[in-house]
PDB file of N, CA and C in Angstrom:
ATOM      1  N   MET A   1      -0.738  14.375 -23.338  1.00  0.00           N
ATOM      2  CA  MET A   1      -1.315  14.099 -21.972  1.00  0.00           C
ATOM      3  C   MET A   1      -0.349  13.174 -21.274  1.00  0.00           C
ATOM      4  N   ASP A   2      -0.205  13.367 -20.026  1.00  0.00           N
ATOM      5  CA  ASP A   2       0.602  12.547 -19.120  1.00  0.00           C
ATOM      6  C   ASP A   2      -0.369  11.384 -18.741  1.00  0.00           C
ATOM      7  N   GLN A   3      -0.060  10.224 -19.359  1.00  0.00           N
ATOM      8  CA  GLN A   3      -0.940   9.066 -19.181  1.00  0.00           C
ATOM      9  C   GLN A   3      -0.979   8.541 -17.743  1.00  0.00           C
ATOM     10  N   GLY A   4       0.238   8.613 -17.084  1.00  0.00           N
ATOM     11  CA  GLY A   4       0.340   8.170 -15.682  1.00  0.00           C
ATOM     12  C   GLY A   4      -0.510   9.061 -14.771  1.00  0.00           C
ATOM     13  N   ALA A   5      -0.355  10.310 -14.904  1.00  0.00           N
ATOM     14  CA  ALA A   5      -1.191  11.248 -14.057  1.00  0.00           C
ATOM     15  C   ALA A   5      -2.655  11.116 -14.321  1.00  0.00           C
ATOM     16  N   TYR A   6      -3.023  10.910 -15.616  1.00  0.00           N
ATOM     17  CA  TYR A   6      -4.430  10.647 -15.917  1.00  0.00           C
ATOM     18  C   TYR A   6      -4.873   9.395 -15.281  1.00  0.00           C
ATOM     19  N   ALA A   7      -4.159   8.372 -15.322  1.00  0.00           N
ATOM     20  CA  ALA A   7      -4.635   7.056 -14.662  1.00  0.00           C
ATOM     21  C   ALA A   7      -4.769   7.217 -13.154  1.00  0.00           C
ATOM     22  N   LYS A   8      -3.800   7.917 -12.534  1.00  0.00           N
ATOM     23  CA  LYS A   8      -3.907   8.158 -11.077  1.00  0.00           C
ATOM     24  C   LYS A   8      -5.159   9.005 -10.646  1.00  0.00           C
ATOM     25  N   ARG A   9      -5.509   9.943 -11.426  1.00  0.00           N
ATOM     26  CA  ARG A   9      -6.670  10.744 -11.145  1.00  0.00           C
ATOM     27  C   ARG A   9      -7.984   9.973 -11.313  1.00  0.00           C
ATOM     28  N   GLN A  10      -7.979   8.926 -12.165  1.00  0.00           N
ATOM     29  CA  GLN A  10      -9.261   8.163 -12.428  1.00  0.00           C
ATOM     30  C   GLN A  10      -9.448   6.983 -11.510  1.00  0.00           C
ATOM     31  N   VAL A  11      -8.439   6.603 -10.739  1.00  0.00           N
ATOM     32  CA  VAL A  11      -8.540   5.485  -9.859  1.00  0.00           C
ATOM     33  C   VAL A  11      -9.214   5.840  -8.547  1.00  0.00           C
ATOM     34  N   THR A  12     -10.196   4.934  -8.086  1.00  0.00           N
ATOM     35  CA  THR A  12     -10.798   5.146  -6.780  1.00  0.00           C
ATOM     36  C   THR A  12     -10.270   4.203  -5.761  1.00  0.00           C
ATOM     37  N   GLN A  13      -9.786   3.014  -6.219  1.00  0.00           N
ATOM     38  CA  GLN A  13      -9.319   2.020  -5.235  1.00  0.00           C
ATOM     39  C   GLN A  13      -8.333   1.034  -5.868  1.00  0.00           C
ATOM     40  N   TYR A  14      -7.384   0.614  -5.086  1.00  0.00           N
ATOM     41  CA  TYR A  14      -6.387  -0.400  -5.557  1.00  0.00           C
ATOM     42  C   TYR A  14      -6.491  -1.532  -4.602  1.00  0.00           C
ATOM     43  N   ILE A  15      -6.600  -2.700  -5.036  1.00  0.00           N
ATOM     44  CA  ILE A  15      -6.723  -3.886  -4.191  1.00  0.00           C
ATOM     45  C   ILE A  15      -5.795  -4.961  -4.747  1.00  0.00           C
ATOM     46  N   ALA A  16      -5.024  -5.598  -3.953  1.00  0.00           N
ATOM     47  CA  ALA A  16      -4.099  -6.685  -4.265  1.00  0.00           C
ATOM     48  C   ALA A  16      -4.348  -7.896  -3.376  1.00  0.00           C
ATOM     49  N   ASN A  17      -4.228  -9.129  -3.916  1.00  0.00           N
ATOM     50  CA  ASN A  17      -4.301 -10.238  -3.070  1.00  0.00           C
ATOM     51  C   ASN A  17      -3.095 -10.367  -2.129  1.00  0.00           C
ATOM     52  N   THR A  18      -3.219 -11.269  -1.156  1.00  0.00           N
ATOM     53  CA  THR A  18      -2.098 -11.334  -0.113  1.00  0.00           C
ATOM     54  C   THR A  18      -0.813 -11.862  -0.672  1.00  0.00           C
ATOM     55  N   GLU A  19      -0.812 -12.538  -1.751  1.00  0.00           N
ATOM     56  CA  GLU A  19       0.343 -13.086  -2.423  1.00  0.00           C
ATOM     57  C   GLU A  19       0.977 -12.097  -3.447  1.00  0.00           C
ATOM     58  N   PHE A  20       0.221 -10.993  -3.742  1.00  0.00           N
ATOM     59  CA  PHE A  20       0.616  -9.929  -4.720  1.00  0.00           C
ATOM     60  C   PHE A  20       0.842 -10.569  -6.094  1.00  0.00           C
ATOM     61  N   THR A  21      -0.031 -11.508  -6.428  1.00  0.00           N
ATOM     62  CA  THR A  21      -0.007 -12.140  -7.747  1.00  0.00           C
ATOM     63  C   THR A  21      -1.205 -11.610  -8.603  1.00  0.00           C
ATOM     64  N   GLN A  22      -2.179 -11.010  -7.955  1.00  0.00           N
ATOM     65  CA  GLN A  22      -3.309 -10.458  -8.662  1.00  0.00           C
ATOM     66  C   GLN A  22      -3.630  -9.112  -7.991  1.00  0.00           C
ATOM     67  N   ALA A  23      -4.134  -8.151  -8.843  1.00  0.00           N
ATOM     68  CA  ALA A  23      -4.527  -6.861  -8.301  1.00  0.00           C
ATOM     69  C   ALA A  23      -5.600  -6.243  -9.208  1.00  0.00           C
ATOM     70  N   THR A  24      -6.354  -5.360  -8.701  1.00  0.00           N
ATOM     71  CA  THR A  24      -7.464  -4.660  -9.381  1.00  0.00           C
ATOM     72  C   THR A  24      -7.419  -3.168  -9.117  1.00  0.00           C
ATOM     73  N   LEU A  25      -7.480  -2.370 -10.240  1.00  0.00           N
ATOM     74  CA  LEU A  25      -7.765  -0.985 -10.089  1.00  0.00           C
ATOM     75  C   LEU A  25      -9.088  -0.714 -10.419  1.00  0.00           C
ATOM     76  N   HIS A  26      -9.783   0.019  -9.538  1.00  0.00           N
ATOM     77  CA  HIS A  26     -11.190   0.437  -9.733  1.00  0.00           C
ATOM     78  C   HIS A  26     -11.194   1.980 -10.191  1.00  0.00           C
ATOM     79  N   PHE A  27     -12.056   2.262 -11.186  1.00  0.00           N
ATOM     80  CA  PHE A  27     -12.040   3.619 -11.725  1.00  0.00           C
ATOM     81  C   PHE A  27     -13.387   4.319 -11.473  1.00  0.00           C
ATOM     82  N   ILE A  28     -13.339   5.614 -11.653  1.00  0.00           N
ATOM     83  CA  ILE A  28     -14.572   6.495 -11.352  1.00  0.00           C
ATOM     84  C   ILE A  28     -15.737   6.141 -12.159  1.00  0.00           C
ATOM     85  N   ASP A  29     -15.630   5.465 -13.293  1.00  0.00           N
ATOM     86  CA  ASP A  29     -16.716   5.107 -14.095  1.00  0.00           C
ATOM     87  C   ASP A  29     -17.317   3.764 -13.803  1.00  0.00           C
ATOM     88  N   GLY A  30     -16.744   3.151 -12.680  1.00  0.00           N
ATOM     89  CA  GLY A  30     -17.133   1.749 -12.297  1.00  0.00           C
ATOM     90  C   GLY A  30     -16.464   0.600 -12.989  1.00  0.00           C
ATOM     91  N   SER A  31     -15.560   0.885 -13.934  1.00  0.00           N
ATOM     92  CA  SER A  31     -14.750  -0.121 -14.608  1.00  0.00           C
ATOM     93  C   SER A  31     -13.606  -0.587 -13.750  1.00  0.00           C
ATOM     94  N   GLU A  32     -13.050  -1.636 -14.152  1.00  0.00           N
ATOM     95  CA  GLU A  32     -11.941  -2.235 -13.420  1.00  0.00           C
ATOM     96  C   GLU A  32     -10.819  -2.670 -14.394  1.00  0.00           C
ATOM     97  N   LEU A  33      -9.609  -2.544 -13.985  1.00  0.00           N
ATOM     98  CA  LEU A  33      -8.434  -3.034 -14.751  1.00  0.00           C
ATOM     99  C   LEU A  33      -7.812  -4.055 -13.823  1.00  0.00           C
ATOM    100  N   ARG A  34      -7.798  -5.394 -14.328  1.00  0.00           N
ATOM    101  CA  ARG A  34      -7.279  -6.499 -13.513  1.00  0.00           C
ATOM    102  C   ARG A  34      -5.968  -6.898 -14.030  1.00  0.00           C
ATOM    103  N   PHE A  35      -5.086  -7.208 -13.076  1.00  0.00           N
ATOM    104  CA  PHE A  35      -3.712  -7.621 -13.331  1.00  0.00           C
ATOM    105  C   PHE A  35      -3.451  -9.000 -12.693  1.00  0.00           C
ATOM    106  N   GLU A  36      -2.669  -9.803 -13.470  1.00  0.00           N
ATOM    107  CA  GLU A  36      -2.197 -10.997 -12.881  1.00  0.00           C
ATOM    108  C   GLU A  36      -0.715 -11.233 -13.244  1.00  0.00           C
ATOM    109  N   HIS A  37       0.113 -11.632 -12.264  1.00  0.00           N
ATOM    110  CA  HIS A  37       1.538 -11.936 -12.523  1.00  0.00           C
ATOM    111  C   HIS A  37       1.856 -13.082 -11.606  1.00  0.00           C
ATOM    112  N   ALA A  38       1.458 -14.278 -11.944  1.00  0.00           N
ATOM    113  CA  ALA A  38       1.596 -15.453 -11.163  1.00  0.00           C
ATOM    114  C   ALA A  38       2.847 -16.197 -11.581  1.00  0.00           C
ATOM    115  N   SER A  39       3.336 -16.000 -12.719  1.00  0.00           N
ATOM    116  CA  SER A  39       4.572 -16.664 -13.211  1.00  0.00           C
ATOM    117  C   SER A  39       4.959 -15.960 -14.554  1.00  0.00           C
ATOM    118  N   ARG A  40       6.155 -16.287 -15.015  1.00  0.00           N
ATOM    119  CA  ARG A  40       6.568 -15.669 -16.329  1.00  0.00           C
ATOM    120  C   ARG A  40       5.641 -15.894 -17.443  1.00  0.00           C
ATOM    121  N   SER A  41       5.000 -17.044 -17.487  1.00  0.00           N
ATOM    122  CA  SER A  41       4.072 -17.419 -18.598  1.00  0.00           C
ATOM    123  C   SER A  41       2.668 -16.948 -18.215  1.00  0.00           C
ATOM    124  N   ASN A  42       2.363 -16.541 -17.079  1.00  0.00           N
ATOM    125  CA  ASN A  42       0.993 -16.021 -16.655  1.00  0.00           C
ATOM    126  C   ASN A  42       1.098 -14.527 -16.209  1.00  0.00           C
ATOM    127  N   ARG A  43       1.100 -13.727 -17.121  1.00  0.00           N
ATOM    128  CA  ARG A  43       1.245 -12.248 -16.866  1.00  0.00           C
ATOM    129  C   ARG A  43       0.365 -11.530 -17.786  1.00  0.00           C
ATOM    130  N   TRP A  44      -0.752 -10.809 -17.263  1.00  0.00           N
ATOM    131  CA  TRP A  44      -1.614 -10.108 -18.146  1.00  0.00           C
ATOM    132  C   TRP A  44      -2.283  -8.985 -17.428  1.00  0.00           C
ATOM    133  N   ALA A  45      -2.934  -8.048 -18.236  1.00  0.00           N
ATOM    134  CA  ALA A  45      -3.770  -6.933 -17.700  1.00  0.00           C
ATOM    135  C   ALA A  45      -4.974  -6.945 -18.596  1.00  0.00           C
ATOM    136  N   ARG A  46      -6.165  -6.811 -18.026  1.00  0.00           N
ATOM    137  CA  ARG A  46      -7.388  -6.853 -18.790  1.00  0.00           C
ATOM    138  C   ARG A  46      -8.456  -5.923 -18.224  1.00  0.00           C
ATOM    139  N   ALA A  47      -9.038  -5.124 -19.163  1.00  0.00           N
ATOM    140  CA  ALA A  47     -10.134  -4.237 -18.701  1.00  0.00           C
ATOM    141  C   ALA A  47     -11.435  -5.045 -18.562  1.00  0.00           C
ATOM    142  N   SER A  48     -12.305  -4.581 -17.733  1.00  0.00           N
ATOM    143  CA  SER A  48     -13.568  -5.257 -17.424  1.00  0.00           C
ATOM    144  C   SER A  48     -14.524  -5.094 -18.573  1.00  0.00           C
ATOM    145  N   ALA A  49     -14.410  -4.038 -19.364  1.00  0.00           N
ATOM    146  CA  ALA A  49     -15.378  -3.864 -20.535  1.00  0.00           C
ATOM    147  C   ALA A  49     -14.784  -2.924 -21.498  1.00  0.00           C
ATOM    148  N   PRO A  50     -15.103  -3.066 -22.782  1.00  0.00           N
ATOM    149  CA  PRO A  50     -14.621  -2.091 -23.805  1.00  0.00           C
ATOM    150  C   PRO A  50     -15.319  -0.779 -23.612  1.00  0.00           C
ATOM    151  N   GLY A  51     -14.591   0.266 -24.079  1.00  0.00           N
ATOM    152  CA  GLY A  51     -15.121   1.691 -24.042  1.00  0.00           C
ATOM    153  C   GLY A  51     -15.138   2.289 -22.685  1.00  0.00           C
ATOM    154  N   THR A  52     -14.426   1.739 -21.746  1.00  0.00           N
ATOM    155  CA  THR A  52     -14.337   2.319 -20.357  1.00  0.00           C
ATOM    156  C   THR A  52     -12.970   2.964 -20.128  1.00  0.00           C
ATOM    157  N   ILE A  53     -12.886   3.611 -18.937  1.00  0.00           N
ATOM    158  CA  ILE A  53     -11.615   4.173 -18.537  1.00  0.00           C
ATOM    159  C   ILE A  53     -10.606   3.086 -18.460  1.00  0.00           C
ATOM    160  N   ALA A  54     -10.961   1.943 -17.820  1.00  0.00           N
ATOM    161  CA  ALA A  54     -10.057   0.837 -17.732  1.00  0.00           C
ATOM    162  C   ALA A  54      -9.550   0.360 -19.065  1.00  0.00           C
ATOM    163  N   ASP A  55     -10.424   0.309 -20.046  1.00  0.00           N
ATOM    164  CA  ASP A  55     -10.068  -0.142 -21.450  1.00  0.00           C
ATOM    165  C   ASP A  55      -9.112   0.924 -22.000  1.00  0.00           C
ATOM    166  N   GLU A  56      -9.465   2.185 -21.910  1.00  0.00           N
ATOM    167  CA  GLU A  56      -8.639   3.310 -22.429  1.00  0.00           C
ATOM    168  C   GLU A  56      -7.205   3.162 -21.793  1.00  0.00           C
ATOM    169  N   ILE A  57      -7.109   2.992 -20.539  1.00  0.00           N
ATOM    170  CA  ILE A  57      -5.828   2.917 -19.877  1.00  0.00           C
ATOM    171  C   ILE A  57      -5.033   1.668 -20.251  1.00  0.00           C
ATOM    172  N   CYS A  58      -5.766   0.521 -20.352  1.00  0.00           N
ATOM    173  CA  CYS A  58      -5.091  -0.714 -20.802  1.00  0.00           C
ATOM    174  C   CYS A  58      -4.445  -0.598 -22.089  1.00  0.00           C
ATOM    175  N   LYS A  59      -5.181   0.148 -22.994  1.00  0.00           N
ATOM    176  CA  LYS A  59      -4.654   0.296 -24.383  1.00  0.00           C
ATOM    177  C   LYS A  59      -3.311   1.057 -24.508  1.00  0.00           C
ATOM    178  N   VAL A  60      -2.988   1.908 -23.525  1.00  0.00           N
ATOM    179  CA  VAL A  60      -1.802   2.696 -23.537  1.00  0.00           C
ATOM    180  C   VAL A  60      -0.719   2.181 -22.548  1.00  0.00           C
ATOM    181  N   LEU A  61      -1.085   1.111 -21.887  1.00  0.00           N
ATOM    182  CA  LEU A  61      -0.166   0.391 -20.923  1.00  0.00           C
ATOM    183  C   LEU A  61       0.892  -0.397 -21.632  1.00  0.00           C
ATOM    184  N   ARG A  62       2.074  -0.062 -21.374  1.00  0.00           N
ATOM    185  CA  ARG A  62       3.357  -0.733 -21.963  1.00  0.00           C
ATOM    186  C   ARG A  62       3.694  -1.983 -21.157  1.00  0.00           C
ATOM    187  N   GLN A  63       3.738  -1.766 -19.813  1.00  0.00           N
ATOM    188  CA  GLN A  63       4.255  -2.837 -18.921  1.00  0.00           C
ATOM    189  C   GLN A  63       3.751  -2.505 -17.550  1.00  0.00           C
ATOM    190  N   PHE A  64       3.784  -3.522 -16.691  1.00  0.00           N
ATOM    191  CA  PHE A  64       3.411  -3.323 -15.309  1.00  0.00           C
ATOM    192  C   PHE A  64       4.318  -4.191 -14.402  1.00  0.00           C
ATOM    193  N   ARG A  65       4.436  -3.716 -13.144  1.00  0.00           N
ATOM    194  CA  ARG A  65       5.157  -4.485 -12.166  1.00  0.00           C
ATOM    195  C   ARG A  65       4.286  -4.595 -10.898  1.00  0.00           C
ATOM    196  N   LEU A  66       4.030  -5.854 -10.417  1.00  0.00           N
ATOM    197  CA  LEU A  66       3.248  -6.124  -9.292  1.00  0.00           C
ATOM    198  C   LEU A  66       4.104  -6.981  -8.362  1.00  0.00           C
ATOM    199  N   ASN A  67       4.240  -6.383  -7.138  1.00  0.00           N
ATOM    200  CA  ASN A  67       4.918  -7.060  -6.055  1.00  0.00           C
ATOM    201  C   ASN A  67       4.375  -6.552  -4.652  1.00  0.00           C
ATOM    202  N   ALA A  68       4.963  -6.973  -3.581  1.00  0.00           N
ATOM    203  CA  ALA A  68       4.520  -6.543  -2.299  1.00  0.00           C
ATOM    204  C   ALA A  68       4.720  -5.084  -1.988  1.00  0.00           C
ATOM    205  N   LYS A  69       5.693  -4.501  -2.785  1.00  0.00           N
ATOM    206  CA  LYS A  69       5.960  -3.086  -2.631  1.00  0.00           C
ATOM    207  C   LYS A  69       4.850  -2.172  -3.225  1.00  0.00           C
ATOM    208  N   HIS A  70       4.407  -2.603  -4.441  1.00  0.00           N
ATOM    209  CA  HIS A  70       3.479  -1.736  -5.212  1.00  0.00           C
ATOM    210  C   HIS A  70       3.057  -2.386  -6.525  1.00  0.00           C
ATOM    211  N   LEU A  71       2.056  -1.808  -7.092  1.00  0.00           N
ATOM    212  CA  LEU A  71       1.678  -1.953  -8.562  1.00  0.00           C
ATOM    213  C   LEU A  71       2.147  -0.694  -9.297  1.00  0.00           C
ATOM    214  N   GLN A  72       3.078  -0.953 -10.248  1.00  0.00           N
ATOM    215  CA  GLN A  72       3.635   0.135 -11.023  1.00  0.00           C
ATOM    216  C   GLN A  72       3.259  -0.073 -12.467  1.00  0.00           C
ATOM    217  N   LEU A  73       2.693   0.992 -13.046  1.00  0.00           N
ATOM    218  CA  LEU A  73       2.266   0.966 -14.477  1.00  0.00           C
ATOM    219  C   LEU A  73       3.233   1.843 -15.285  1.00  0.00           C
ATOM    220  N   PHE A  74       3.637   1.335 -16.469  1.00  0.00           N
ATOM    221  CA  PHE A  74       4.494   2.052 -17.358  1.00  0.00           C
ATOM    222  C   PHE A  74       3.625   2.296 -18.702  1.00  0.00           C
ATOM    223  N   PHE A  75       3.634   3.541 -19.163  1.00  0.00           N
ATOM    224  CA  PHE A  75       2.827   3.894 -20.324  1.00  0.00           C
ATOM    225  C   PHE A  75       3.713   4.150 -21.550  1.00  0.00           C
ATOM    226  N   ASP A  76       2.849   4.101 -22.722  1.00  0.00           N
ATOM    227  CA  ASP A  76       3.539   4.406 -24.005  1.00  0.00           C
ATOM    228  C   ASP A  76       4.177   5.760 -24.097  1.00  0.00           C
ATOM    229  N   ASP A  77       3.736   6.765 -23.365  1.00  0.00           N
ATOM    230  CA  ASP A  77       4.339   8.072 -23.415  1.00  0.00           C
ATOM    231  C   ASP A  77       5.563   8.201 -22.505  1.00  0.00           C
ATOM    232  N   GLY A  78       5.945   7.135 -21.882  1.00  0.00           N
ATOM    233  CA  GLY A  78       7.156   7.171 -21.028  1.00  0.00           C
ATOM    234  C   GLY A  78       6.855   7.490 -19.576  1.00  0.00           C
ATOM    235  N   THR A  79       5.679   7.807 -19.188  1.00  0.00           N
ATOM    236  CA  THR A  79       5.306   8.089 -17.845  1.00  0.00           C
ATOM    237  C   THR A  79       5.066   6.800 -17.119  1.00  0.00           C
ATOM    238  N   ASN A  80       5.027   6.882 -15.782  1.00  0.00           N
ATOM    239  CA  ASN A  80       4.666   5.735 -14.992  1.00  0.00           C
ATOM    240  C   ASN A  80       4.008   6.276 -13.703  1.00  0.00           C
ATOM    241  N   VAL A  81       3.268   5.271 -13.030  1.00  0.00           N
ATOM    242  CA  VAL A  81       2.517   5.668 -11.890  1.00  0.00           C
ATOM    243  C   VAL A  81       2.540   4.439 -10.911  1.00  0.00           C
ATOM    244  N   GLU A  82       2.537   4.627  -9.573  1.00  0.00           N
ATOM    245  CA  GLU A  82       2.450   3.511  -8.742  1.00  0.00           C
ATOM    246  C   GLU A  82       1.296   3.645  -7.801  1.00  0.00           C
ATOM    247  N   PHE A  83       0.833   2.430  -7.392  1.00  0.00           N
ATOM    248  CA  PHE A  83      -0.222   2.251  -6.346  1.00  0.00           C
ATOM    249  C   PHE A  83       0.329   1.440  -5.248  1.00  0.00           C
ATOM    250  N   ILE A  84       0.084   1.886  -3.983  1.00  0.00           N
ATOM    251  CA  ILE A  84       0.578   1.140  -2.823  1.00  0.00           C
ATOM    252  C   ILE A  84      -0.613   0.702  -2.018  1.00  0.00           C
TER     253      ILE A  84
END
């Protein structure tokens, strides 16, 4: 399965703060995947609840990039997807 394409199909909304240090992806099941990249030592991604689409996607997430240009997710299968 193309993990990036799967994630893109499941997202209903992408929201980032004005500084682009925090972002949230909202999914069709009502779950959320929250991202923070405020500094080198403060970088994380967390699902809102276990057993949700957000949790499923978080478990296969290898890396993410968050900046004013986009939120880009990189997955274990080598695929990636971006949200603008």
